[in-house]
Amino acid sequence: MYIDYNDLKTGISEETLGVITRNQDNARQAISEAVAEVRTYLCVRYDIDAEFRKTGGNRDATVFRLVRDIALYRCYAISNPTSMPEIRRQNYKDALKLLRDIQSERASLPGLTRLDGGSQGSNYVKYGGNKKRKNKW
């Protein structure tokens, strides 16, 4: 796995983690859901499977933080979503916003390998036109 139970402790106290997960099976489920969620956003642009094979200090810090924050949010959602702290909700929203920005190329992950082989460019086709002009006086 990309992250494990001990990696979750870097974002939350060990006592709180033990209470919200109750057992490590819930934590594993939350981690696998978080990895799947991050993969859906990043697999279009980056070789995310190569990143998810890394362990320890070789992992990209931003991807690690995104997966960890989403996994902690999922741990609360599994155990008791009504008592979730607002900071967890905000961290989850921030993670999703960053993932959407990366997907739409308003942000990038310089440590990851792009699928198109280049550091610039897009494989999306933009459509639309210019704003309408007011030609009447």
N, C-alpha and C. Protein backbone atom coordinates (compact mmCIF):
# COMPACT_ATOMS: atom_id res chain seq x y z
N MET A 1 0.83 -1.19 0.00
CA MET A 1 0.00 0.00 0.00
C MET A 1 0.87 1.25 0.00
N TYR A 2 0.31 2.30 -0.54
CA TYR A 2 1.03 3.57 -0.62
C TYR A 2 1.27 4.15 0.78
N ILE A 3 0.24 4.17 1.59
CA ILE A 3 0.41 4.57 2.98
C ILE A 3 -0.18 3.48 3.86
N ASP A 4 0.23 3.45 5.09
CA ASP A 4 -0.31 2.45 6.01
C ASP A 4 -0.82 3.14 7.27
N TYR A 5 -1.21 2.34 8.22
CA TYR A 5 -1.80 2.84 9.46
C TYR A 5 -0.86 3.80 10.18
N ASN A 6 0.42 3.48 10.21
CA ASN A 6 1.40 4.34 10.90
C ASN A 6 1.56 5.69 10.21
N ASP A 7 1.39 5.73 8.88
CA ASP A 7 1.48 7.00 8.16
C ASP A 7 0.32 7.92 8.50
N LEU A 8 -0.82 7.35 8.85
CA LEU A 8 -1.96 8.18 9.23
C LEU A 8 -1.69 8.95 10.53
N LYS A 9 -0.81 8.42 11.35
CA LYS A 9 -0.50 9.06 12.63
C LYS A 9 0.21 10.39 12.46
N THR A 10 0.74 10.66 11.27
CA THR A 10 1.40 11.95 11.04
C THR A 10 0.40 13.09 10.90
N GLY A 11 -0.87 12.76 10.69
CA GLY A 11 -1.88 13.79 10.53
C GLY A 11 -2.88 13.88 11.65
N ILE A 12 -2.77 12.99 12.62
CA ILE A 12 -3.74 12.96 13.72
C ILE A 12 -3.09 12.25 14.90
N SER A 13 -3.57 12.52 16.10
CA SER A 13 -2.97 11.86 17.27
C SER A 13 -3.30 10.36 17.25
N GLU A 14 -2.42 9.60 17.84
CA GLU A 14 -2.58 8.15 17.84
C GLU A 14 -3.84 7.71 18.59
N GLU A 15 -4.18 8.40 19.67
CA GLU A 15 -5.37 8.05 20.44
C GLU A 15 -6.64 8.30 19.63
N THR A 16 -6.69 9.45 18.97
CA THR A 16 -7.87 9.77 18.16
C THR A 16 -7.99 8.80 16.99
N LEU A 17 -6.87 8.47 16.37
CA LEU A 17 -6.90 7.52 15.26
C LEU A 17 -7.42 6.16 15.71
N GLY A 18 -6.99 5.72 16.90
CA GLY A 18 -7.48 4.45 17.43
C GLY A 18 -8.97 4.46 17.69
N VAL A 19 -9.49 5.60 18.14
CA VAL A 19 -10.92 5.71 18.43
C VAL A 19 -11.74 5.71 17.14
N ILE A 20 -11.30 6.48 16.13
CA ILE A 20 -12.13 6.58 14.92
C ILE A 20 -12.02 5.38 14.01
N THR A 21 -10.91 4.64 14.08
CA THR A 21 -10.79 3.47 13.21
C THR A 21 -11.28 2.20 13.89
N ARG A 22 -11.18 2.14 15.18
CA ARG A 22 -11.58 0.97 16.00
C ARG A 22 -10.75 -0.27 15.70
N ASN A 23 -10.45 -0.51 14.45
CA ASN A 23 -9.55 -1.60 14.07
C ASN A 23 -8.85 -1.21 12.77
N GLN A 24 -7.81 -1.93 12.45
CA GLN A 24 -7.02 -1.54 11.29
C GLN A 24 -7.70 -1.89 9.97
N ASP A 25 -8.73 -2.73 9.99
CA ASP A 25 -9.47 -3.01 8.76
C ASP A 25 -10.20 -1.77 8.25
N ASN A 26 -10.77 -1.00 9.17
CA ASN A 26 -11.43 0.24 8.77
C ASN A 26 -10.42 1.23 8.19
N ALA A 27 -9.23 1.28 8.79
CA ALA A 27 -8.19 2.17 8.28
C ALA A 27 -7.75 1.73 6.88
N ARG A 28 -7.60 0.43 6.68
CA ARG A 28 -7.21 -0.07 5.35
C ARG A 28 -8.27 0.25 4.30
N GLN A 29 -9.53 0.12 4.68
CA GLN A 29 -10.61 0.46 3.76
C GLN A 29 -10.57 1.95 3.41
N ALA A 30 -10.38 2.79 4.41
CA ALA A 30 -10.32 4.24 4.17
C ALA A 30 -9.12 4.60 3.29
N ILE A 31 -7.99 3.95 3.51
CA ILE A 31 -6.81 4.22 2.70
C ILE A 31 -7.03 3.78 1.26
N SER A 32 -7.61 2.61 1.05
CA SER A 32 -7.84 2.15 -0.33
C SER A 32 -8.84 3.05 -1.04
N GLU A 33 -9.84 3.56 -0.33
CA GLU A 33 -10.78 4.50 -0.95
C GLU A 33 -10.09 5.82 -1.30
N ALA A 34 -9.21 6.27 -0.43
CA ALA A 34 -8.48 7.52 -0.69
C ALA A 34 -7.54 7.37 -1.88
N VAL A 35 -6.84 6.25 -1.96
CA VAL A 35 -5.94 6.01 -3.10
C VAL A 35 -6.75 5.95 -4.40
N ALA A 36 -7.89 5.30 -4.37
CA ALA A 36 -8.73 5.22 -5.57
C ALA A 36 -9.24 6.60 -5.97
N GLU A 37 -9.59 7.43 -5.01
CA GLU A 37 -10.09 8.76 -5.31
C GLU A 37 -9.00 9.64 -5.93
N VAL A 38 -7.81 9.59 -5.35
CA VAL A 38 -6.70 10.37 -5.91
C VAL A 38 -6.34 9.86 -7.30
N ARG A 39 -6.36 8.55 -7.48
CA ARG A 39 -6.04 7.96 -8.79
C ARG A 39 -7.01 8.45 -9.87
N THR A 40 -8.29 8.57 -9.55
CA THR A 40 -9.26 9.00 -10.56
C THR A 40 -8.99 10.41 -11.05
N TYR A 41 -8.47 11.26 -10.17
CA TYR A 41 -8.17 12.64 -10.58
C TYR A 41 -6.86 12.75 -11.35
N LEU A 42 -5.85 11.97 -10.96
CA LEU A 42 -4.51 12.19 -11.49
C LEU A 42 -4.10 11.24 -12.60
N CYS A 43 -4.84 10.16 -12.84
CA CYS A 43 -4.41 9.17 -13.82
C CYS A 43 -4.45 9.68 -15.25
N VAL A 44 -5.18 10.74 -15.51
CA VAL A 44 -5.27 11.29 -16.86
C VAL A 44 -3.96 11.98 -17.25
N ARG A 45 -3.32 12.64 -16.32
CA ARG A 45 -2.14 13.46 -16.61
C ARG A 45 -0.81 12.83 -16.19
N TYR A 46 -0.83 12.07 -15.11
CA TYR A 46 0.42 11.58 -14.51
C TYR A 46 0.44 10.06 -14.42
N ASP A 47 1.64 9.53 -14.38
CA ASP A 47 1.82 8.09 -14.17
C ASP A 47 1.68 7.84 -12.67
N ILE A 48 0.45 7.87 -12.21
CA ILE A 48 0.18 7.80 -10.78
C ILE A 48 0.41 6.39 -10.22
N ASP A 49 0.29 5.37 -11.06
CA ASP A 49 0.55 4.01 -10.59
C ASP A 49 2.01 3.84 -10.18
N ALA A 50 2.92 4.49 -10.90
CA ALA A 50 4.33 4.44 -10.52
C ALA A 50 4.53 5.13 -9.17
N GLU A 51 3.81 6.21 -8.93
CA GLU A 51 3.90 6.90 -7.63
C GLU A 51 3.35 6.03 -6.51
N PHE A 52 2.26 5.33 -6.76
CA PHE A 52 1.65 4.50 -5.72
C PHE A 52 2.47 3.25 -5.41
N ARG A 53 3.44 2.91 -6.24
CA ARG A 53 4.33 1.79 -5.94
C ARG A 53 5.47 2.20 -5.02
N LYS A 54 5.69 3.50 -4.83
CA LYS A 54 6.78 3.99 -4.00
C LYS A 54 6.43 3.84 -2.51
N THR A 55 7.49 3.76 -1.70
CA THR A 55 7.30 3.67 -0.25
C THR A 55 8.30 4.58 0.43
N GLY A 56 8.07 4.86 1.68
CA GLY A 56 9.01 5.62 2.50
C GLY A 56 9.23 7.04 2.02
N GLY A 57 10.47 7.47 2.04
CA GLY A 57 10.83 8.83 1.68
C GLY A 57 10.81 9.12 0.19
N ASN A 58 10.62 8.11 -0.64
CA ASN A 58 10.58 8.31 -2.09
C ASN A 58 9.26 8.89 -2.57
N ARG A 59 8.24 8.88 -1.73
CA ARG A 59 6.91 9.34 -2.13
C ARG A 59 6.88 10.85 -2.29
N ASP A 60 6.05 11.30 -3.22
CA ASP A 60 5.85 12.73 -3.41
C ASP A 60 5.07 13.28 -2.21
N ALA A 61 5.55 14.37 -1.63
CA ALA A 61 4.97 14.91 -0.41
C ALA A 61 3.54 15.39 -0.61
N THR A 62 3.26 15.98 -1.76
CA THR A 62 1.91 16.50 -2.01
C THR A 62 0.92 15.37 -2.18
N VAL A 63 1.28 14.35 -2.95
CA VAL A 63 0.37 13.21 -3.15
C VAL A 63 0.17 12.48 -1.83
N PHE A 64 1.24 12.34 -1.05
CA PHE A 64 1.13 11.70 0.26
C PHE A 64 0.14 12.45 1.15
N ARG A 65 0.26 13.77 1.18
CA ARG A 65 -0.64 14.58 2.02
C ARG A 65 -2.08 14.47 1.53
N LEU A 66 -2.29 14.48 0.23
CA LEU A 66 -3.65 14.36 -0.31
C LEU A 66 -4.28 13.02 0.09
N VAL A 67 -3.53 11.95 -0.09
CA VAL A 67 -4.05 10.62 0.26
C VAL A 67 -4.31 10.52 1.75
N ARG A 68 -3.39 11.05 2.56
CA ARG A 68 -3.55 10.99 4.01
C ARG A 68 -4.78 11.77 4.48
N ASP A 69 -4.96 13.01 3.96
CA ASP A 69 -6.10 13.82 4.38
C ASP A 69 -7.42 13.19 3.96
N ILE A 70 -7.47 12.64 2.76
CA ILE A 70 -8.70 11.98 2.30
C ILE A 70 -8.95 10.71 3.11
N ALA A 71 -7.90 9.97 3.43
CA ALA A 71 -8.07 8.74 4.23
C ALA A 71 -8.57 9.07 5.64
N LEU A 72 -8.05 10.13 6.24
CA LEU A 72 -8.53 10.51 7.58
C LEU A 72 -9.98 10.96 7.53
N TYR A 73 -10.36 11.67 6.48
CA TYR A 73 -11.76 12.04 6.30
C TYR A 73 -12.63 10.80 6.18
N ARG A 74 -12.16 9.83 5.41
CA ARG A 74 -12.91 8.57 5.25
C ARG A 74 -12.99 7.79 6.56
N CYS A 75 -11.95 7.84 7.38
CA CYS A 75 -12.00 7.16 8.68
C CYS A 75 -13.12 7.73 9.53
N TYR A 76 -13.22 9.04 9.56
CA TYR A 76 -14.32 9.66 10.30
C TYR A 76 -15.67 9.30 9.68
N ALA A 77 -15.74 9.28 8.36
CA ALA A 77 -17.00 8.96 7.69
C ALA A 77 -17.44 7.53 7.98
N ILE A 78 -16.49 6.63 8.14
CA ILE A 78 -16.82 5.23 8.44
C ILE A 78 -17.30 5.10 9.89
N SER A 79 -16.59 5.74 10.82
CA SER A 79 -16.88 5.52 12.24
C SER A 79 -18.03 6.38 12.76
N ASN A 80 -17.92 7.70 12.62
CA ASN A 80 -18.95 8.57 13.18
C ASN A 80 -18.92 9.91 12.46
N PRO A 81 -19.63 10.04 11.36
CA PRO A 81 -19.55 11.28 10.58
C PRO A 81 -20.15 12.49 11.28
N THR A 82 -21.01 12.27 12.27
CA THR A 82 -21.63 13.42 12.94
C THR A 82 -20.67 14.13 13.88
N SER A 83 -19.64 13.42 14.36
CA SER A 83 -18.69 14.05 15.28
C SER A 83 -17.39 14.44 14.58
N MET A 84 -17.42 14.56 13.26
CA MET A 84 -16.22 14.92 12.51
C MET A 84 -15.85 16.38 12.77
N PRO A 85 -14.59 16.63 13.11
CA PRO A 85 -14.17 18.02 13.31
C PRO A 85 -14.22 18.81 12.00
N GLU A 86 -14.44 20.08 12.12
CA GLU A 86 -14.54 20.94 10.94
C GLU A 86 -13.22 20.97 10.17
N ILE A 87 -12.11 20.83 10.85
CA ILE A 87 -10.80 20.86 10.18
C ILE A 87 -10.66 19.69 9.22
N ARG A 88 -11.23 18.53 9.56
CA ARG A 88 -11.18 17.37 8.67
C ARG A 88 -11.99 17.64 7.40
N ARG A 89 -13.18 18.23 7.57
CA ARG A 89 -14.00 18.57 6.40
C ARG A 89 -13.27 19.58 5.51
N GLN A 90 -12.65 20.57 6.15
CA GLN A 90 -11.95 21.59 5.38
C GLN A 90 -10.73 21.02 4.66
N ASN A 91 -9.99 20.14 5.33
CA ASN A 91 -8.83 19.50 4.68
C ASN A 91 -9.28 18.66 3.48
N TYR A 92 -10.41 17.98 3.62
CA TYR A 92 -10.94 17.18 2.51
C TYR A 92 -11.34 18.08 1.34
N LYS A 93 -12.03 19.18 1.64
CA LYS A 93 -12.42 20.11 0.58
C LYS A 93 -11.20 20.71 -0.10
N ASP A 94 -10.19 21.06 0.68
CA ASP A 94 -8.96 21.61 0.11
C ASP A 94 -8.25 20.59 -0.77
N ALA A 95 -8.24 19.33 -0.34
CA ALA A 95 -7.61 18.28 -1.14
C ALA A 95 -8.34 18.10 -2.46
N LEU A 96 -9.67 18.09 -2.42
CA LEU A 96 -10.43 17.95 -3.67
C LEU A 96 -10.23 19.15 -4.58
N LYS A 97 -10.14 20.34 -4.02
CA LYS A 97 -9.91 21.54 -4.83
C LYS A 97 -8.55 21.45 -5.51
N LEU A 98 -7.52 21.03 -4.78
CA LEU A 98 -6.20 20.90 -5.38
C LEU A 98 -6.20 19.82 -6.46
N LEU A 99 -6.88 18.71 -6.22
CA LEU A 99 -6.94 17.65 -7.23
C LEU A 99 -7.65 18.14 -8.51
N ARG A 100 -8.70 18.91 -8.33
CA ARG A 100 -9.39 19.47 -9.51
C ARG A 100 -8.51 20.48 -10.23
N ASP A 101 -7.76 21.28 -9.48
CA ASP A 101 -6.85 22.23 -10.11
C ASP A 101 -5.74 21.51 -10.88
N ILE A 102 -5.23 20.43 -10.33
CA ILE A 102 -4.21 19.65 -11.03
C ILE A 102 -4.80 19.02 -12.29
N GLN A 103 -6.00 18.51 -12.17
CA GLN A 103 -6.65 17.88 -13.32
C GLN A 103 -6.90 18.87 -14.44
N SER A 104 -7.27 20.09 -14.10
CA SER A 104 -7.55 21.10 -15.12
C SER A 104 -6.31 21.93 -15.48
N GLU A 105 -5.15 21.52 -14.99
CA GLU A 105 -3.85 22.13 -15.27
C GLU A 105 -3.70 23.56 -14.76
N ARG A 106 -4.41 23.90 -13.71
CA ARG A 106 -4.16 25.17 -13.03
C ARG A 106 -3.09 25.00 -11.97
N ALA A 107 -2.74 23.75 -11.68
CA ALA A 107 -1.65 23.42 -10.77
C ALA A 107 -0.96 22.18 -11.33
N SER A 108 0.23 21.89 -10.84
CA SER A 108 0.95 20.73 -11.35
C SER A 108 1.71 20.04 -10.23
N LEU A 109 2.14 18.85 -10.52
CA LEU A 109 2.96 18.07 -9.59
C LEU A 109 4.31 17.83 -10.27
N PRO A 110 5.29 18.68 -10.02
CA PRO A 110 6.56 18.59 -10.75
C PRO A 110 7.34 17.31 -10.48
N GLY A 111 7.11 16.64 -9.37
CA GLY A 111 7.85 15.42 -9.06
C GLY A 111 7.34 14.18 -9.75
N LEU A 112 6.18 14.25 -10.38
CA LEU A 112 5.59 13.08 -11.03
C LEU A 112 5.82 13.12 -12.54
N THR A 113 5.84 11.94 -13.15
CA THR A 113 6.04 11.82 -14.59
C THR A 113 4.72 12.02 -15.30
N ARG A 114 4.73 12.95 -16.27
CA ARG A 114 3.53 13.18 -17.07
C ARG A 114 3.38 12.08 -18.09
N LEU A 115 2.14 11.76 -18.43
CA LEU A 115 1.89 10.71 -19.39
C LEU A 115 2.20 11.13 -20.82
N ASP A 116 2.04 12.42 -21.14
CA ASP A 116 2.31 12.86 -22.50
C ASP A 116 3.79 13.07 -22.76
N GLY A 117 4.64 12.87 -21.75
CA GLY A 117 6.07 12.95 -21.92
C GLY A 117 6.64 14.35 -21.83
N GLY A 118 5.81 15.35 -21.87
CA GLY A 118 6.31 16.72 -21.81
C GLY A 118 5.97 17.36 -20.50
N SER A 119 6.54 18.51 -20.29
CA SER A 119 6.24 19.23 -19.06
C SER A 119 5.15 20.28 -19.29
N GLN A 120 4.82 20.54 -20.52
CA GLN A 120 3.80 21.52 -20.86
C GLN A 120 2.75 20.85 -21.73
N GLY A 121 1.67 21.53 -21.96
CA GLY A 121 0.67 21.04 -22.89
C GLY A 121 -0.44 20.29 -22.22
N SER A 122 -1.43 19.99 -23.02
CA SER A 122 -2.62 19.35 -22.50
C SER A 122 -3.15 18.36 -23.52
N ASN A 123 -3.84 17.35 -23.05
CA ASN A 123 -4.51 16.46 -23.97
C ASN A 123 -6.02 16.72 -23.98
N TYR A 124 -6.42 17.83 -23.40
CA TYR A 124 -7.81 18.24 -23.44
C TYR A 124 -8.03 19.20 -24.60
N VAL A 125 -9.20 19.17 -25.17
CA VAL A 125 -9.56 20.09 -26.24
C VAL A 125 -10.50 21.12 -25.65
N LYS A 126 -10.13 22.37 -25.76
CA LYS A 126 -10.99 23.43 -25.26
C LYS A 126 -11.99 23.80 -26.34
N TYR A 127 -13.15 24.16 -25.94
CA TYR A 127 -14.17 24.57 -26.89
C TYR A 127 -14.80 25.86 -26.40
N GLY A 128 -15.52 26.50 -27.29
CA GLY A 128 -16.17 27.75 -26.93
C GLY A 128 -15.69 28.87 -27.84
N GLY A 129 -15.99 30.06 -27.48
CA GLY A 129 -15.60 31.19 -28.29
C GLY A 129 -15.32 32.41 -27.44
N ASN A 130 -15.20 33.52 -28.12
CA ASN A 130 -14.95 34.77 -27.43
C ASN A 130 -16.24 35.30 -26.82
N LYS A 131 -16.11 36.24 -25.91
CA LYS A 131 -17.28 36.85 -25.32
C LYS A 131 -17.97 37.70 -26.39
N LYS A 132 -19.29 37.76 -26.31
CA LYS A 132 -20.04 38.57 -27.28
C LYS A 132 -19.73 40.05 -27.09
N ARG A 133 -19.65 40.72 -28.21
CA ARG A 133 -19.44 42.17 -28.17
C ARG A 133 -20.76 42.88 -28.28
N LYS A 134 -20.79 44.05 -27.73
CA LYS A 134 -21.97 44.91 -27.87
C LYS A 134 -21.66 45.88 -29.01
N ASN A 135 -22.25 45.65 -30.14
CA ASN A 135 -21.97 46.48 -31.32
C ASN A 135 -22.99 47.59 -31.51
N LYS A 136 -23.95 47.69 -30.66
CA LYS A 136 -24.96 48.73 -30.78
C LYS A 136 -24.58 49.91 -29.92
N TRP A 137 -24.92 51.09 -30.40
CA TRP A 137 -24.60 52.30 -29.64
C TRP A 137 -25.67 52.61 -28.72
